Amino acid sequence: MSYTQNINPSQWSKLYEYLKPFPRIHTKNEDKAKCFVEAVFWILRSGAQWRMLPREYGDWNVVYQRFSDWAERGVWYKMLYYFARDPDMEYIMVDSTVLRAHACAAGALKKTEGKRDRL
């Protein structure tokens, strides 16, 4: 795999150990698990659409479906609170200070707003 690795080895070992007990969440292939987590972090930090995920992270739809499954199971929520007090894990603590908002979320006018004013 040629994806960009942003999680250092000590952080990844803590994260991987945390994920092992989750049924149907843990993957036996550690490289694939790391690639998936890196892909999610790339999306969250860049603010890009899922379809813009670089190919080295895998098929964007597969990554999205797995991300969505983890979200429904509360894995991301539990992970946030599990690592909240560990200063070495600040990289995985994605919050609003590192997320980029889409233009429409930042107050940009929608194309339909001008049409309503004309009526």
PDB file of N, CA and C in Angstrom:
ATOM      1  N   MET A   1       0.844  -1.191   0.000  1.00  0.00           N
ATOM      2  CA  MET A   1       0.000   0.000   0.000  1.00  0.00           C
ATOM      3  C   MET A   1       0.877   1.238   0.000  1.00  0.00           C
ATOM      4  N   SER A   2       0.405   2.238  -0.710  1.00  0.00           N
ATOM      5  CA  SER A   2       1.212   3.446  -0.821  1.00  0.00           C
ATOM      6  C   SER A   2       0.511   4.670  -0.237  1.00  0.00           C
ATOM      7  N   TYR A   3      -0.451   4.467   0.646  1.00  0.00           N
ATOM      8  CA  TYR A   3      -1.159   5.598   1.227  1.00  0.00           C
ATOM      9  C   TYR A   3      -0.255   6.354   2.189  1.00  0.00           C
ATOM     10  N   THR A   4      -0.589   7.597   2.422  1.00  0.00           N
ATOM     11  CA  THR A   4       0.176   8.437   3.332  1.00  0.00           C
ATOM     12  C   THR A   4      -0.136   8.036   4.766  1.00  0.00           C
ATOM     13  N   GLN A   5       0.901   7.771   5.525  1.00  0.00           N
ATOM     14  CA  GLN A   5       0.702   7.381   6.921  1.00  0.00           C
ATOM     15  C   GLN A   5       0.899   8.595   7.821  1.00  0.00           C
ATOM     16  N   ASN A   6      -0.149   8.949   8.536  1.00  0.00           N
ATOM     17  CA  ASN A   6      -0.097  10.110   9.424  1.00  0.00           C
ATOM     18  C   ASN A   6      -0.123   9.734  10.891  1.00  0.00           C
ATOM     19  N   ILE A   7      -0.573   8.541  11.198  1.00  0.00           N
ATOM     20  CA  ILE A   7      -0.621   8.096  12.583  1.00  0.00           C
ATOM     21  C   ILE A   7       0.719   7.447  12.907  1.00  0.00           C
ATOM     22  N   ASN A   8       1.362   7.925  13.957  1.00  0.00           N
ATOM     23  CA  ASN A   8       2.662   7.333  14.294  1.00  0.00           C
ATOM     24  C   ASN A   8       2.460   5.944  14.910  1.00  0.00           C
ATOM     25  N   PRO A   9       3.506   5.125  14.919  1.00  0.00           N
ATOM     26  CA  PRO A   9       3.368   3.734  15.391  1.00  0.00           C
ATOM     27  C   PRO A   9       2.829   3.583  16.811  1.00  0.00           C
ATOM     28  N   SER A  10       3.221   4.446  17.725  1.00  0.00           N
ATOM     29  CA  SER A  10       2.721   4.304  19.103  1.00  0.00           C
ATOM     30  C   SER A  10       1.235   4.646  19.182  1.00  0.00           C
ATOM     31  N   GLN A  11       0.804   5.656  18.434  1.00  0.00           N
ATOM     32  CA  GLN A  11      -0.616   5.991  18.408  1.00  0.00           C
ATOM     33  C   GLN A  11      -1.414   4.855  17.776  1.00  0.00           C
ATOM     34  N   TRP A  12      -0.900   4.315  16.667  1.00  0.00           N
ATOM     35  CA  TRP A  12      -1.617   3.247  15.989  1.00  0.00           C
ATOM     36  C   TRP A  12      -1.739   2.014  16.878  1.00  0.00           C
ATOM     37  N   SER A  13      -0.684   1.671  17.622  1.00  0.00           N
ATOM     38  CA  SER A  13      -0.767   0.484  18.479  1.00  0.00           C
ATOM     39  C   SER A  13      -1.849   0.662  19.547  1.00  0.00           C
ATOM     40  N   LYS A  14      -1.967   1.858  20.123  1.00  0.00           N
ATOM     41  CA  LYS A  14      -3.018   2.129  21.110  1.00  0.00           C
ATOM     42  C   LYS A  14      -4.400   2.038  20.457  1.00  0.00           C
ATOM     43  N   LEU A  15      -4.514   2.620  19.287  1.00  0.00           N
ATOM     44  CA  LEU A  15      -5.795   2.619  18.586  1.00  0.00           C
ATOM     45  C   LEU A  15      -6.198   1.212  18.172  1.00  0.00           C
ATOM     46  N   TYR A  16      -5.255   0.443  17.671  1.00  0.00           N
ATOM     47  CA  TYR A  16      -5.543  -0.920  17.230  1.00  0.00           C
ATOM     48  C   TYR A  16      -5.936  -1.812  18.413  1.00  0.00           C
ATOM     49  N   GLU A  17      -5.256  -1.656  19.528  1.00  0.00           N
ATOM     50  CA  GLU A  17      -5.615  -2.416  20.740  1.00  0.00           C
ATOM     51  C   GLU A  17      -7.013  -2.032  21.218  1.00  0.00           C
ATOM     52  N   TYR A  18      -7.361  -0.757  21.087  1.00  0.00           N
ATOM     53  CA  TYR A  18      -8.696  -0.307  21.477  1.00  0.00           C
ATOM     54  C   TYR A  18      -9.772  -0.959  20.603  1.00  0.00           C
ATOM     55  N   LEU A  19      -9.505  -1.101  19.305  1.00  0.00           N
ATOM     56  CA  LEU A  19     -10.500  -1.624  18.368  1.00  0.00           C
ATOM     57  C   LEU A  19     -10.677  -3.135  18.432  1.00  0.00           C
ATOM     58  N   LYS A  20      -9.691  -3.859  18.927  1.00  0.00           N
ATOM     59  CA  LYS A  20      -9.747  -5.329  18.924  1.00  0.00           C
ATOM     60  C   LYS A  20     -10.983  -5.927  19.591  1.00  0.00           C
ATOM     61  N   PRO A  21     -11.432  -5.444  20.735  1.00  0.00           N
ATOM     62  CA  PRO A  21     -12.591  -6.069  21.391  1.00  0.00           C
ATOM     63  C   PRO A  21     -13.931  -5.853  20.687  1.00  0.00           C
ATOM     64  N   PHE A  22     -14.027  -4.866  19.793  1.00  0.00           N
ATOM     65  CA  PHE A  22     -15.308  -4.581  19.146  1.00  0.00           C
ATOM     66  C   PHE A  22     -15.677  -5.708  18.188  1.00  0.00           C
ATOM     67  N   PRO A  23     -16.836  -6.342  18.394  1.00  0.00           N
ATOM     68  CA  PRO A  23     -17.260  -7.382  17.452  1.00  0.00           C
ATOM     69  C   PRO A  23     -17.613  -6.765  16.100  1.00  0.00           C
ATOM     70  N   ARG A  24     -17.209  -7.423  15.040  1.00  0.00           N
ATOM     71  CA  ARG A  24     -17.452  -7.008  13.661  1.00  0.00           C
ATOM     72  C   ARG A  24     -16.803  -5.677  13.301  1.00  0.00           C
ATOM     73  N   ILE A  25     -16.020  -5.105  14.161  1.00  0.00           N
ATOM     74  CA  ILE A  25     -15.340  -3.844  13.874  1.00  0.00           C
ATOM     75  C   ILE A  25     -13.869  -4.116  13.605  1.00  0.00           C
ATOM     76  N   HIS A  26     -13.266  -4.914  14.458  1.00  0.00           N
ATOM     77  CA  HIS A  26     -11.850  -5.235  14.315  1.00  0.00           C
ATOM     78  C   HIS A  26     -11.621  -6.029  13.033  1.00  0.00           C
ATOM     79  N   THR A  27     -10.583  -5.690  12.318  1.00  0.00           N
ATOM     80  CA  THR A  27     -10.207  -6.447  11.134  1.00  0.00           C
ATOM     81  C   THR A  27      -8.912  -7.181  11.427  1.00  0.00           C
ATOM     82  N   LYS A  28      -8.793  -8.390  10.932  1.00  0.00           N
ATOM     83  CA  LYS A  28      -7.599  -9.185  11.204  1.00  0.00           C
ATOM     84  C   LYS A  28      -6.391  -8.684  10.428  1.00  0.00           C
ATOM     85  N   ASN A  29      -6.623  -7.953   9.355  1.00  0.00           N
ATOM     86  CA  ASN A  29      -5.529  -7.402   8.570  1.00  0.00           C
ATOM     87  C   ASN A  29      -5.237  -5.994   9.089  1.00  0.00           C
ATOM     88  N   GLU A  30      -4.176  -5.866   9.841  1.00  0.00           N
ATOM     89  CA  GLU A  30      -3.855  -4.594  10.482  1.00  0.00           C
ATOM     90  C   GLU A  30      -3.573  -3.491   9.469  1.00  0.00           C
ATOM     91  N   ASP A  31      -2.950  -3.819   8.342  1.00  0.00           N
ATOM     92  CA  ASP A  31      -2.670  -2.808   7.322  1.00  0.00           C
ATOM     93  C   ASP A  31      -3.954  -2.231   6.734  1.00  0.00           C
ATOM     94  N   LYS A  32      -4.942  -3.088   6.497  1.00  0.00           N
ATOM     95  CA  LYS A  32      -6.223  -2.611   5.963  1.00  0.00           C
ATOM     96  C   LYS A  32      -6.947  -1.750   6.991  1.00  0.00           C
ATOM     97  N   ALA A  33      -6.873  -2.138   8.238  1.00  0.00           N
ATOM     98  CA  ALA A  33      -7.514  -1.355   9.293  1.00  0.00           C
ATOM     99  C   ALA A  33      -6.883   0.027   9.381  1.00  0.00           C
ATOM    100  N   LYS A  34      -5.567   0.069   9.332  1.00  0.00           N
ATOM    101  CA  LYS A  34      -4.874   1.355   9.420  1.00  0.00           C
ATOM    102  C   LYS A  34      -5.189   2.224   8.205  1.00  0.00           C
ATOM    103  N   CYS A  35      -5.228   1.621   7.028  1.00  0.00           N
ATOM    104  CA  CYS A  35      -5.556   2.367   5.817  1.00  0.00           C
ATOM    105  C   CYS A  35      -6.954   2.974   5.926  1.00  0.00           C
ATOM    106  N   PHE A  36      -7.902   2.204   6.459  1.00  0.00           N
ATOM    107  CA  PHE A  36      -9.267   2.706   6.623  1.00  0.00           C
ATOM    108  C   PHE A  36      -9.305   3.898   7.577  1.00  0.00           C
ATOM    109  N   VAL A  37      -8.653   3.767   8.726  1.00  0.00           N
ATOM    110  CA  VAL A  37      -8.657   4.852   9.713  1.00  0.00           C
ATOM    111  C   VAL A  37      -7.976   6.088   9.136  1.00  0.00           C
ATOM    112  N   GLU A  38      -6.868   5.900   8.425  1.00  0.00           N
ATOM    113  CA  GLU A  38      -6.181   7.021   7.777  1.00  0.00           C
ATOM    114  C   GLU A  38      -7.091   7.691   6.751  1.00  0.00           C
ATOM    115  N   ALA A  39      -7.865   6.899   6.007  1.00  0.00           N
ATOM    116  CA  ALA A  39      -8.785   7.448   5.009  1.00  0.00           C
ATOM    117  C   ALA A  39      -9.838   8.326   5.673  1.00  0.00           C
ATOM    118  N   VAL A  40     -10.395   7.859   6.774  1.00  0.00           N
ATOM    119  CA  VAL A  40     -11.409   8.638   7.488  1.00  0.00           C
ATOM    120  C   VAL A  40     -10.794   9.929   8.011  1.00  0.00           C
ATOM    121  N   PHE A  41      -9.606   9.851   8.571  1.00  0.00           N
ATOM    122  CA  PHE A  41      -8.945  11.062   9.063  1.00  0.00           C
ATOM    123  C   PHE A  41      -8.654  12.035   7.922  1.00  0.00           C
ATOM    124  N   TRP A  42      -8.291  11.510   6.757  1.00  0.00           N
ATOM    125  CA  TRP A  42      -8.031  12.374   5.605  1.00  0.00           C
ATOM    126  C   TRP A  42      -9.303  13.137   5.226  1.00  0.00           C
ATOM    127  N   ILE A  43     -10.424  12.428   5.166  1.00  0.00           N
ATOM    128  CA  ILE A  43     -11.703  13.062   4.828  1.00  0.00           C
ATOM    129  C   ILE A  43     -12.059  14.127   5.866  1.00  0.00           C
ATOM    130  N   LEU A  44     -11.955  13.792   7.127  1.00  0.00           N
ATOM    131  CA  LEU A  44     -12.333  14.725   8.189  1.00  0.00           C
ATOM    132  C   LEU A  44     -11.446  15.959   8.223  1.00  0.00           C
ATOM    133  N   ARG A  45     -10.175  15.766   8.027  1.00  0.00           N
ATOM    134  CA  ARG A  45      -9.254  16.902   8.096  1.00  0.00           C
ATOM    135  C   ARG A  45      -9.275  17.757   6.831  1.00  0.00           C
ATOM    136  N   SER A  46      -9.538  17.174   5.681  1.00  0.00           N
ATOM    137  CA  SER A  46      -9.537  17.937   4.430  1.00  0.00           C
ATOM    138  C   SER A  46     -10.876  18.624   4.173  1.00  0.00           C
ATOM    139  N   GLY A  47     -11.959  18.050   4.695  1.00  0.00           N
ATOM    140  CA  GLY A  47     -13.276  18.592   4.416  1.00  0.00           C
ATOM    141  C   GLY A  47     -13.782  18.215   3.035  1.00  0.00           C
ATOM    142  N   ALA A  48     -13.099  17.306   2.368  1.00  0.00           N
ATOM    143  CA  ALA A  48     -13.466  16.899   1.012  1.00  0.00           C
ATOM    144  C   ALA A  48     -14.686  16.000   1.021  1.00  0.00           C
ATOM    145  N   GLN A  49     -15.293  15.855  -0.140  1.00  0.00           N
ATOM    146  CA  GLN A  49     -16.388  14.921  -0.300  1.00  0.00           C
ATOM    147  C   GLN A  49     -15.813  13.513  -0.353  1.00  0.00           C
ATOM    148  N   TRP A  50     -16.633  12.528  -0.009  1.00  0.00           N
ATOM    149  CA  TRP A  50     -16.166  11.146  -0.013  1.00  0.00           C
ATOM    150  C   TRP A  50     -15.650  10.724  -1.380  1.00  0.00           C
ATOM    151  N   ARG A  51     -16.295  11.193  -2.439  1.00  0.00           N
ATOM    152  CA  ARG A  51     -15.883  10.825  -3.792  1.00  0.00           C
ATOM    153  C   ARG A  51     -14.488  11.330  -4.144  1.00  0.00           C
ATOM    154  N   MET A  52     -13.979  12.277  -3.390  1.00  0.00           N
ATOM    155  CA  MET A  52     -12.652  12.840  -3.650  1.00  0.00           C
ATOM    156  C   MET A  52     -11.542  12.118  -2.896  1.00  0.00           C
ATOM    157  N   LEU A  53     -11.876  11.062  -2.183  1.00  0.00           N
ATOM    158  CA  LEU A  53     -10.882  10.299  -1.436  1.00  0.00           C
ATOM    159  C   LEU A  53      -9.834   9.746  -2.399  1.00  0.00           C
ATOM    160  N   PRO A  54      -8.541   9.990  -2.144  1.00  0.00           N
ATOM    161  CA  PRO A  54      -7.497   9.465  -3.032  1.00  0.00           C
ATOM    162  C   PRO A  54      -7.581   7.942  -3.154  1.00  0.00           C
ATOM    163  N   ARG A  55      -7.311   7.441  -4.337  1.00  0.00           N
ATOM    164  CA  ARG A  55      -7.433   6.007  -4.626  1.00  0.00           C
ATOM    165  C   ARG A  55      -6.553   5.131  -3.746  1.00  0.00           C
ATOM    166  N   GLU A  56      -5.448   5.657  -3.259  1.00  0.00           N
ATOM    167  CA  GLU A  56      -4.565   4.820  -2.440  1.00  0.00           C
ATOM    168  C   GLU A  56      -5.213   4.391  -1.124  1.00  0.00           C
ATOM    169  N   TYR A  57      -6.304   5.052  -0.744  1.00  0.00           N
ATOM    170  CA  TYR A  57      -7.034   4.656   0.461  1.00  0.00           C
ATOM    171  C   TYR A  57      -8.100   3.605   0.173  1.00  0.00           C
ATOM    172  N   GLY A  58      -8.346   3.321  -1.081  1.00  0.00           N
ATOM    173  CA  GLY A  58      -9.349   2.333  -1.458  1.00  0.00           C
ATOM    174  C   GLY A  58     -10.564   2.980  -2.091  1.00  0.00           C
ATOM    175  N   ASP A  59     -11.569   2.168  -2.374  1.00  0.00           N
ATOM    176  CA  ASP A  59     -12.812   2.640  -2.977  1.00  0.00           C
ATOM    177  C   ASP A  59     -13.546   3.542  -1.986  1.00  0.00           C
ATOM    178  N   TRP A  60     -13.858   4.747  -2.412  1.00  0.00           N
ATOM    179  CA  TRP A  60     -14.471   5.721  -1.507  1.00  0.00           C
ATOM    180  C   TRP A  60     -15.783   5.207  -0.932  1.00  0.00           C
ATOM    181  N   ASN A  61     -16.571   4.480  -1.719  1.00  0.00           N
ATOM    182  CA  ASN A  61     -17.869   4.020  -1.247  1.00  0.00           C
ATOM    183  C   ASN A  61     -17.723   2.943  -0.168  1.00  0.00           C
ATOM    184  N   VAL A  62     -16.743   2.075  -0.310  1.00  0.00           N
ATOM    185  CA  VAL A  62     -16.488   1.049   0.700  1.00  0.00           C
ATOM    186  C   VAL A  62     -16.046   1.715   2.004  1.00  0.00           C
ATOM    187  N   VAL A  63     -15.163   2.703   1.894  1.00  0.00           N
ATOM    188  CA  VAL A  63     -14.693   3.430   3.080  1.00  0.00           C
ATOM    189  C   VAL A  63     -15.864   4.149   3.739  1.00  0.00           C
ATOM    190  N   TYR A  64     -16.704   4.796   2.920  1.00  0.00           N
ATOM    191  CA  TYR A  64     -17.857   5.505   3.476  1.00  0.00           C
ATOM    192  C   TYR A  64     -18.813   4.547   4.186  1.00  0.00           C
ATOM    193  N   GLN A  65     -19.114   3.419   3.566  1.00  0.00           N
ATOM    194  CA  GLN A  65     -20.049   2.461   4.164  1.00  0.00           C
ATOM    195  C   GLN A  65     -19.526   1.965   5.517  1.00  0.00           C
ATOM    196  N   ARG A  66     -18.232   1.689   5.578  1.00  0.00           N
ATOM    197  CA  ARG A  66     -17.645   1.219   6.845  1.00  0.00           C
ATOM    198  C   ARG A  66     -17.664   2.337   7.884  1.00  0.00           C
ATOM    199  N   PHE A  67     -17.334   3.569   7.452  1.00  0.00           N
ATOM    200  CA  PHE A  67     -17.387   4.719   8.349  1.00  0.00           C
ATOM    201  C   PHE A  67     -18.795   4.873   8.923  1.00  0.00           C
ATOM    202  N   SER A  68     -19.797   4.770   8.051  1.00  0.00           N
ATOM    203  CA  SER A  68     -21.189   4.908   8.463  1.00  0.00           C
ATOM    204  C   SER A  68     -21.584   3.804   9.442  1.00  0.00           C
ATOM    205  N   ASP A  69     -21.136   2.579   9.182  1.00  0.00           N
ATOM    206  CA  ASP A  69     -21.425   1.458  10.078  1.00  0.00           C
ATOM    207  C   ASP A  69     -20.821   1.710  11.455  1.00  0.00           C
ATOM    208  N   TRP A  70     -19.581   2.180  11.478  1.00  0.00           N
ATOM    209  CA  TRP A  70     -18.937   2.480  12.756  1.00  0.00           C
ATOM    210  C   TRP A  70     -19.688   3.592  13.477  1.00  0.00           C
ATOM    211  N   ALA A  71     -20.151   4.582  12.740  1.00  0.00           N
ATOM    212  CA  ALA A  71     -20.885   5.694  13.354  1.00  0.00           C
ATOM    213  C   ALA A  71     -22.187   5.192  13.973  1.00  0.00           C
ATOM    214  N   GLU A  72     -22.911   4.331  13.252  1.00  0.00           N
ATOM    215  CA  GLU A  72     -24.162   3.786  13.781  1.00  0.00           C
ATOM    216  C   GLU A  72     -23.933   2.955  15.033  1.00  0.00           C
ATOM    217  N   ARG A  73     -22.805   2.287  15.109  1.00  0.00           N
ATOM    218  CA  ARG A  73     -22.483   1.452  16.273  1.00  0.00           C
ATOM    219  C   ARG A  73     -21.858   2.265  17.415  1.00  0.00           C
ATOM    220  N   GLY A  74     -21.603   3.542  17.190  1.00  0.00           N
ATOM    221  CA  GLY A  74     -21.060   4.405  18.232  1.00  0.00           C
ATOM    222  C   GLY A  74     -19.562   4.270  18.444  1.00  0.00           C
ATOM    223  N   VAL A  75     -18.861   3.658  17.492  1.00  0.00           N
ATOM    224  CA  VAL A  75     -17.417   3.442  17.655  1.00  0.00           C
ATOM    225  C   VAL A  75     -16.673   4.767  17.728  1.00  0.00           C
ATOM    226  N   TRP A  76     -17.003   5.718  16.855  1.00  0.00           N
ATOM    227  CA  TRP A  76     -16.289   7.000  16.838  1.00  0.00           C
ATOM    228  C   TRP A  76     -16.555   7.769  18.122  1.00  0.00           C
ATOM    229  N   TYR A  77     -17.787   7.757  18.565  1.00  0.00           N
ATOM    230  CA  TYR A  77     -18.175   8.447  19.800  1.00  0.00           C
ATOM    231  C   TYR A  77     -17.427   7.861  20.997  1.00  0.00           C
ATOM    232  N   LYS A  78     -17.430   6.545  21.093  1.00  0.00           N
ATOM    233  CA  LYS A  78     -16.750   5.876  22.205  1.00  0.00           C
ATOM    234  C   LYS A  78     -15.241   6.107  22.141  1.00  0.00           C
ATOM    235  N   MET A  79     -14.695   6.121  20.934  1.00  0.00           N
ATOM    236  CA  MET A  79     -13.262   6.340  20.762  1.00  0.00           C
ATOM    237  C   MET A  79     -12.867   7.737  21.240  1.00  0.00           C
ATOM    238  N   LEU A  80     -13.690   8.725  20.922  1.00  0.00           N
ATOM    239  CA  LEU A  80     -13.422  10.094  21.343  1.00  0.00           C
ATOM    240  C   LEU A  80     -13.298  10.179  22.858  1.00  0.00           C
ATOM    241  N   TYR A  81     -14.246   9.582  23.564  1.00  0.00           N
ATOM    242  CA  TYR A  81     -14.219   9.644  25.024  1.00  0.00           C
ATOM    243  C   TYR A  81     -13.168   8.733  25.642  1.00  0.00           C
ATOM    244  N   TYR A  82     -12.847   7.645  24.978  1.00  0.00           N
ATOM    245  CA  TYR A  82     -11.824   6.736  25.484  1.00  0.00           C
ATOM    246  C   TYR A  82     -10.447   7.408  25.475  1.00  0.00           C
ATOM    247  N   PHE A  83     -10.147   8.136  24.412  1.00  0.00           N
ATOM    248  CA  PHE A  83      -8.827   8.747  24.265  1.00  0.00           C
ATOM    249  C   PHE A  83      -8.781  10.216  24.671  1.00  0.00           C
ATOM    250  N   ALA A  84      -9.864  10.761  25.174  1.00  0.00           N
ATOM    251  CA  ALA A  84      -9.934  12.188  25.491  1.00  0.00           C
ATOM    252  C   ALA A  84      -8.876  12.639  26.504  1.00  0.00           C
ATOM    253  N   ARG A  85      -8.517  11.788  27.408  1.00  0.00           N
ATOM    254  CA  ARG A  85      -7.552  12.189  28.451  1.00  0.00           C
ATOM    255  C   ARG A  85      -6.126  11.759  28.151  1.00  0.00           C
ATOM    256  N   ASP A  86      -5.897  11.200  26.987  1.00  0.00           N
ATOM    257  CA  ASP A  86      -4.561  10.749  26.606  1.00  0.00           C
ATOM    258  C   ASP A  86      -3.930  11.786  25.681  1.00  0.00           C
ATOM    259  N   PRO A  87      -2.987  12.607  26.185  1.00  0.00           N
ATOM    260  CA  PRO A  87      -2.413  13.667  25.352  1.00  0.00           C
ATOM    261  C   PRO A  87      -1.637  13.140  24.140  1.00  0.00           C
ATOM    262  N   ASP A  88      -1.194  11.895  24.192  1.00  0.00           N
ATOM    263  CA  ASP A  88      -0.474  11.327  23.052  1.00  0.00           C
ATOM    264  C   ASP A  88      -1.414  11.004  21.890  1.00  0.00           C
ATOM    265  N   MET A  89      -2.702  11.006  22.144  1.00  0.00           N
ATOM    266  CA  MET A  89      -3.674  10.640  21.114  1.00  0.00           C
ATOM    267  C   MET A  89      -4.416  11.855  20.553  1.00  0.00           C
ATOM    268  N   GLU A  90      -3.859  13.035  20.711  1.00  0.00           N
ATOM    269  CA  GLU A  90      -4.562  14.231  20.246  1.00  0.00           C
ATOM    270  C   GLU A  90      -4.791  14.228  18.737  1.00  0.00           C
ATOM    271  N   TYR A  91      -3.974  13.508  17.991  1.00  0.00           N
ATOM    272  CA  TYR A  91      -4.145  13.463  16.534  1.00  0.00           C
ATOM    273  C   TYR A  91      -5.486  12.849  16.150  1.00  0.00           C
ATOM    274  N   ILE A  92      -5.934  11.854  16.888  1.00  0.00           N
ATOM    275  CA  ILE A  92      -7.191  11.209  16.519  1.00  0.00           C
ATOM    276  C   ILE A  92      -8.403  11.947  17.060  1.00  0.00           C
ATOM    277  N   MET A  93      -8.181  12.991  17.831  1.00  0.00           N
ATOM    278  CA  MET A  93      -9.285  13.741  18.396  1.00  0.00           C
ATOM    279  C   MET A  93      -9.737  14.803  17.392  1.00  0.00           C
ATOM    280  N   VAL A  94     -10.513  14.393  16.416  1.00  0.00           N
ATOM    281  CA  VAL A  94     -10.986  15.306  15.393  1.00  0.00           C
ATOM    282  C   VAL A  94     -12.198  16.046  15.938  1.00  0.00           C
ATOM    283  N   ASP A  95     -12.079  17.352  16.071  1.00  0.00           N
ATOM    284  CA  ASP A  95     -13.203  18.148  16.547  1.00  0.00           C
ATOM    285  C   ASP A  95     -13.383  19.343  15.618  1.00  0.00           C
ATOM    286  N   SER A  96     -14.221  20.263  15.999  1.00  0.00           N
ATOM    287  CA  SER A  96     -14.554  21.379  15.118  1.00  0.00           C
ATOM    288  C   SER A  96     -13.376  22.307  14.846  1.00  0.00           C
ATOM    289  N   THR A  97     -12.312  22.241  15.626  1.00  0.00           N
ATOM    290  CA  THR A  97     -11.173  23.123  15.392  1.00  0.00           C
ATOM    291  C   THR A  97     -10.336  22.669  14.209  1.00  0.00           C
ATOM    292  N   VAL A  98     -10.498  21.427  13.764  1.00  0.00           N
ATOM    293  CA  VAL A  98      -9.722  20.947  12.630  1.00  0.00           C
ATOM    294  C   VAL A  98     -10.575  20.635  11.410  1.00  0.00           C
ATOM    295  N   LEU A  99     -11.880  20.785  11.521  1.00  0.00           N
ATOM    296  CA  LEU A  99     -12.765  20.493  10.400  1.00  0.00           C
ATOM    297  C   LEU A  99     -13.009  21.738   9.566  1.00  0.00           C
ATOM    298  N   ARG A 100     -13.094  21.545   8.267  1.00  0.00           N
ATOM    299  CA  ARG A 100     -13.416  22.637   7.368  1.00  0.00           C
ATOM    300  C   ARG A 100     -14.886  22.532   6.991  1.00  0.00           C
ATOM    301  N   ALA A 101     -15.549  23.649   7.021  1.00  0.00           N
ATOM    302  CA  ALA A 101     -16.966  23.663   6.659  1.00  0.00           C
ATOM    303  C   ALA A 101     -17.119  23.873   5.164  1.00  0.00           C
ATOM    304  N   HIS A 102     -18.136  23.279   4.606  1.00  0.00           N
ATOM    305  CA  HIS A 102     -18.477  23.505   3.208  1.00  0.00           C
ATOM    306  C   HIS A 102     -18.979  24.945   3.084  1.00  0.00           C
ATOM    307  N   ALA A 103     -18.873  25.528   1.901  1.00  0.00           N
ATOM    308  CA  ALA A 103     -19.247  26.929   1.697  1.00  0.00           C
ATOM    309  C   ALA A 103     -20.674  27.229   2.155  1.00  0.00           C
ATOM    310  N   CYS A 104     -21.608  26.314   1.886  1.00  0.00           N
ATOM    311  CA  CYS A 104     -22.996  26.586   2.277  1.00  0.00           C
ATOM    312  C   CYS A 104     -23.155  26.548   3.798  1.00  0.00           C
ATOM    313  N   ALA A 105     -22.303  25.815   4.492  1.00  0.00           N
ATOM    314  CA  ALA A 105     -22.373  25.764   5.950  1.00  0.00           C
ATOM    315  C   ALA A 105     -21.735  26.986   6.583  1.00  0.00           C
ATOM    316  N   ALA A 106     -20.945  27.710   5.792  1.00  0.00           N
ATOM    317  CA  ALA A 106     -20.247  28.884   6.303  1.00  0.00           C
ATOM    318  C   ALA A 106     -21.014  30.175   6.032  1.00  0.00           C
ATOM    319  N   GLY A 107     -22.262  30.071   5.581  1.00  0.00           N
ATOM    320  CA  GLY A 107     -23.086  31.253   5.380  1.00  0.00           C
ATOM    321  C   GLY A 107     -23.163  31.732   3.944  1.00  0.00           C
ATOM    322  N   ALA A 108     -22.624  30.989   3.003  1.00  0.00           N
ATOM    323  CA  ALA A 108     -22.706  31.387   1.597  1.00  0.00           C
ATOM    324  C   ALA A 108     -24.157  31.334   1.144  1.00  0.00           C
ATOM    325  N   LEU A 109     -24.518  32.242   0.252  1.00  0.00           N
ATOM    326  CA  LEU A 109     -25.886  32.273  -0.257  1.00  0.00           C
ATOM    327  C   LEU A 109     -26.151  31.079  -1.147  1.00  0.00           C
ATOM    328  N   LYS A 110     -27.322  30.513  -1.012  1.00  0.00           N
ATOM    329  CA  LYS A 110     -27.728  29.424  -1.888  1.00  0.00           C
ATOM    330  C   LYS A 110     -28.246  30.021  -3.183  1.00  0.00           C
ATOM    331  N   LYS A 111     -28.174  29.268  -4.257  1.00  0.00           N
ATOM    332  CA  LYS A 111     -28.625  29.751  -5.559  1.00  0.00           C
ATOM    333  C   LYS A 111     -30.111  30.061  -5.557  1.00  0.00           C
ATOM    334  N   THR A 112     -30.885  29.376  -4.747  1.00  0.00           N
ATOM    335  CA  THR A 112     -32.340  29.570  -4.731  1.00  0.00           C
ATOM    336  C   THR A 112     -32.766  30.768  -3.893  1.00  0.00           C
ATOM    337  N   GLU A 113     -31.878  31.307  -3.064  1.00  0.00           N
ATOM    338  CA  GLU A 113     -32.277  32.415  -2.195  1.00  0.00           C
ATOM    339  C   GLU A 113     -32.612  33.664  -2.986  1.00  0.00           C
ATOM    340  N   GLY A 114     -31.867  33.952  -4.028  1.00  0.00           N
ATOM    341  CA  GLY A 114     -32.137  35.132  -4.846  1.00  0.00           C
ATOM    342  C   GLY A 114     -33.439  35.008  -5.594  1.00  0.00           C
ATOM    343  N   LYS A 115     -33.831  33.810  -5.989  1.00  0.00           N
ATOM    344  CA  LYS A 115     -35.070  33.590  -6.718  1.00  0.00           C
ATOM    345  C   LYS A 115     -36.282  33.860  -5.835  1.00  0.00           C
ATOM    346  N   ARG A 116     -36.195  33.537  -4.577  1.00  0.00           N
ATOM    347  CA  ARG A 116     -37.317  33.760  -3.671  1.00  0.00           C
ATOM    348  C   ARG A 116     -37.581  35.253  -3.478  1.00  0.00           C
ATOM    349  N   ASP A 117     -36.518  36.052  -3.469  1.00  0.00           N
ATOM    350  CA  ASP A 117     -36.674  37.490  -3.261  1.00  0.00           C
ATOM    351  C   ASP A 117     -37.401  38.148  -4.420  1.00  0.00           C
ATOM    352  N   ARG A 118     -37.296  37.590  -5.614  1.00  0.00           N
ATOM    353  CA  ARG A 118     -37.915  38.180  -6.798  1.00  0.00           C
ATOM    354  C   ARG A 118     -39.421  37.984  -6.821  1.00  0.00           C
ATOM    355  N   LEU A 119     -39.928  36.993  -6.128  1.00  0.00           N
ATOM    356  CA  LEU A 119     -41.377  36.711  -6.173  1.00  0.00           C
ATOM    357  C   LEU A 119     -42.192  37.696  -5.421  1.00  0.00           C
TER     358      LEU A 119
END
